[in-house]
N, C-alpha and C. Protein backbone atom coordinates (compact mmCIF):
# COMPACT_ATOMS: atom_id res chain seq x y z
N MET A 1 132.51 143.07 136.61
CA MET A 1 131.55 144.12 136.79
C MET A 1 131.71 144.75 138.17
N MET A 2 132.04 143.92 139.14
CA MET A 2 132.24 144.47 140.49
C MET A 2 133.47 145.36 140.53
N ALA A 3 134.53 144.97 139.83
CA ALA A 3 135.74 145.79 139.80
C ALA A 3 135.45 147.12 139.13
N ALA A 4 134.66 147.11 138.06
CA ALA A 4 134.30 148.36 137.39
C ALA A 4 133.50 149.25 138.34
N ALA A 5 132.57 148.67 139.07
CA ALA A 5 131.76 149.44 140.01
C ALA A 5 132.64 150.08 141.09
N GLU A 6 133.65 149.37 141.54
CA GLU A 6 134.57 149.92 142.53
C GLU A 6 135.29 151.16 142.00
N LEU A 7 135.49 151.21 140.69
CA LEU A 7 136.17 152.34 140.06
C LEU A 7 135.20 153.42 139.60
N GLY A 8 133.89 153.22 139.85
CA GLY A 8 132.90 154.19 139.44
C GLY A 8 132.55 154.10 137.96
N VAL A 9 132.83 152.96 137.37
CA VAL A 9 132.56 152.74 135.95
C VAL A 9 131.31 151.87 135.83
N GLU A 10 130.38 152.28 134.98
CA GLU A 10 129.19 151.48 134.73
C GLU A 10 129.55 150.32 133.81
N ALA A 11 128.96 149.15 134.05
CA ALA A 11 129.21 147.97 133.21
C ALA A 11 127.88 147.32 132.86
N MET A 12 127.70 147.04 131.58
CA MET A 12 126.46 146.41 131.12
C MET A 12 126.81 145.23 130.23
N PRO A 13 126.43 144.01 130.64
CA PRO A 13 126.70 142.85 129.78
C PRO A 13 125.81 142.89 128.54
N LEU A 14 126.36 142.47 127.42
CA LEU A 14 125.62 142.45 126.15
C LEU A 14 125.25 141.02 125.82
N GLU A 15 123.98 140.81 125.53
CA GLU A 15 123.48 139.47 125.23
C GLU A 15 123.31 139.28 123.73
N GLY A 16 123.23 138.04 123.32
CA GLY A 16 122.85 137.71 121.95
C GLY A 16 123.94 137.93 120.91
N PHE A 17 125.18 137.92 121.31
CA PHE A 17 126.25 138.08 120.34
C PHE A 17 126.75 136.71 119.89
N ASP A 18 127.39 136.67 118.74
CA ASP A 18 127.94 135.44 118.20
C ASP A 18 129.44 135.40 118.52
N PRO A 19 129.84 134.59 119.51
CA PRO A 19 131.24 134.56 119.93
C PRO A 19 132.21 134.24 118.80
N THR A 20 131.81 133.37 117.89
CA THR A 20 132.70 133.00 116.78
C THR A 20 132.97 134.21 115.89
N SER A 21 131.95 135.00 115.60
CA SER A 21 132.12 136.19 114.78
C SER A 21 133.00 137.22 115.46
N VAL A 22 132.80 137.41 116.76
CA VAL A 22 133.62 138.36 117.52
C VAL A 22 135.07 137.90 117.52
N ASP A 23 135.27 136.63 117.80
CA ASP A 23 136.64 136.09 117.81
C ASP A 23 137.32 136.28 116.46
N LYS A 24 136.58 136.05 115.38
CA LYS A 24 137.14 136.19 114.04
C LYS A 24 137.46 137.66 113.75
N ALA A 25 136.54 138.56 114.07
CA ALA A 25 136.73 139.99 113.77
C ALA A 25 137.93 140.57 114.49
N PHE A 26 138.16 140.12 115.72
CA PHE A 26 139.26 140.67 116.52
C PHE A 26 140.46 139.73 116.63
N LYS A 27 140.41 138.63 115.86
CA LYS A 27 141.50 137.65 115.84
C LYS A 27 141.86 137.15 117.24
N ILE A 28 140.82 136.88 118.02
CA ILE A 28 141.02 136.47 119.42
C ILE A 28 141.50 135.03 119.51
N ARG A 29 140.97 134.16 118.68
CA ARG A 29 141.37 132.74 118.77
C ARG A 29 142.84 132.54 118.43
N GLU A 30 143.39 133.47 117.67
CA GLU A 30 144.82 133.37 117.34
C GLU A 30 145.69 133.55 118.58
N THR A 31 145.12 134.14 119.62
CA THR A 31 145.87 134.35 120.87
C THR A 31 145.69 133.18 121.83
N GLY A 32 144.83 132.19 121.43
CA GLY A 32 144.58 131.04 122.29
C GLY A 32 143.41 131.27 123.24
N HIS A 33 142.65 132.34 123.04
CA HIS A 33 141.50 132.65 123.89
C HIS A 33 140.21 132.62 123.08
N THR A 34 139.08 132.65 123.77
CA THR A 34 137.77 132.76 123.13
C THR A 34 136.94 133.78 123.89
N THR A 35 135.97 134.34 123.21
CA THR A 35 135.08 135.32 123.83
C THR A 35 133.99 134.60 124.60
N THR A 36 133.77 135.01 125.84
CA THR A 36 132.70 134.42 126.64
C THR A 36 131.65 135.46 127.05
N VAL A 37 132.05 136.73 127.09
CA VAL A 37 131.11 137.78 127.48
C VAL A 37 131.57 139.10 126.84
N LEU A 38 130.59 139.95 126.52
CA LEU A 38 130.89 141.30 126.07
C LEU A 38 130.34 142.27 127.10
N LEU A 39 131.14 143.26 127.44
CA LEU A 39 130.71 144.28 128.40
C LEU A 39 130.84 145.65 127.78
N ALA A 40 129.83 146.47 127.95
CA ALA A 40 129.92 147.88 127.61
C ALA A 40 130.34 148.59 128.89
N LEU A 41 131.42 149.36 128.83
CA LEU A 41 131.95 150.05 130.00
C LEU A 41 131.95 151.56 129.75
N GLY A 42 131.65 152.33 130.77
CA GLY A 42 131.71 153.77 130.62
C GLY A 42 131.35 154.49 131.90
N TYR A 43 131.58 155.78 131.90
CA TYR A 43 131.25 156.60 133.05
C TYR A 43 129.85 157.17 132.87
N PRO A 44 129.05 157.18 133.92
CA PRO A 44 127.70 157.70 133.81
C PRO A 44 127.70 159.22 133.62
N ASP A 45 126.73 159.72 132.88
CA ASP A 45 126.55 161.15 132.69
C ASP A 45 125.73 161.67 133.87
N PRO A 46 126.31 162.52 134.73
CA PRO A 46 125.58 162.99 135.92
C PRO A 46 124.27 163.70 135.58
N ALA A 47 124.18 164.29 134.40
CA ALA A 47 122.96 164.97 133.99
C ALA A 47 121.84 163.99 133.66
N LYS A 48 122.18 162.74 133.44
CA LYS A 48 121.19 161.74 133.06
C LYS A 48 120.96 160.68 134.13
N VAL A 49 121.39 160.92 135.34
CA VAL A 49 121.19 159.96 136.41
C VAL A 49 119.74 160.05 136.87
N TYR A 50 119.06 158.91 136.87
CA TYR A 50 117.66 158.87 137.26
C TYR A 50 117.56 158.63 138.76
N ASN A 51 116.67 159.34 139.40
CA ASN A 51 116.47 159.20 140.84
C ASN A 51 115.26 158.35 141.19
N SER A 52 114.55 157.90 140.18
CA SER A 52 113.37 157.08 140.42
C SER A 52 113.45 155.85 139.52
N PRO A 53 112.70 154.80 139.88
CA PRO A 53 112.71 153.60 139.06
C PRO A 53 112.21 153.91 137.65
N ILE A 54 112.78 153.23 136.67
CA ILE A 54 112.38 153.44 135.28
C ILE A 54 111.55 152.26 134.82
N SER A 55 110.44 152.53 134.18
CA SER A 55 109.60 151.48 133.64
C SER A 55 109.02 151.96 132.33
N ARG A 56 108.83 151.04 131.42
CA ARG A 56 108.24 151.40 130.13
C ARG A 56 106.72 151.49 130.22
N PHE A 57 106.16 150.93 131.26
CA PHE A 57 104.72 150.90 131.42
C PHE A 57 104.33 151.55 132.74
N GLU A 58 103.12 152.04 132.79
CA GLU A 58 102.59 152.56 134.06
C GLU A 58 102.36 151.40 135.01
N THR A 59 102.42 151.68 136.31
CA THR A 59 102.25 150.65 137.33
C THR A 59 100.96 149.87 137.15
N ASP A 60 99.85 150.56 136.84
CA ASP A 60 98.56 149.87 136.70
C ASP A 60 98.51 148.96 135.48
N GLN A 61 99.42 149.15 134.53
CA GLN A 61 99.49 148.26 133.38
C GLN A 61 100.31 147.01 133.69
N LEU A 62 101.15 147.09 134.69
CA LEU A 62 102.02 145.97 135.03
C LEU A 62 101.45 145.07 136.12
N PHE A 63 100.69 145.66 137.04
CA PHE A 63 100.23 144.91 138.21
C PHE A 63 98.73 144.98 138.34
N THR A 64 98.17 143.93 138.90
CA THR A 64 96.77 143.91 139.26
C THR A 64 96.71 143.88 140.78
N PHE A 65 96.16 144.92 141.36
CA PHE A 65 96.07 145.00 142.82
C PHE A 65 94.71 144.49 143.26
N VAL A 66 94.71 143.60 144.28
CA VAL A 66 93.45 143.04 144.79
C VAL A 66 93.29 143.39 146.25
């Protein structure tokens, strides 16, 4: 992920995948390797770059200030 960032490429790890299914679909085990992580790689769309933090909830719904 750090190498991708150095190249200006966004990297997002994907969770919850079944390594055995991925290995079977792409015949990875036949090469003597196994899948340990999946990464989505791509270049960011400059028109969609957010300049502020993103949250699904309003601040007052997430925090209680005392």
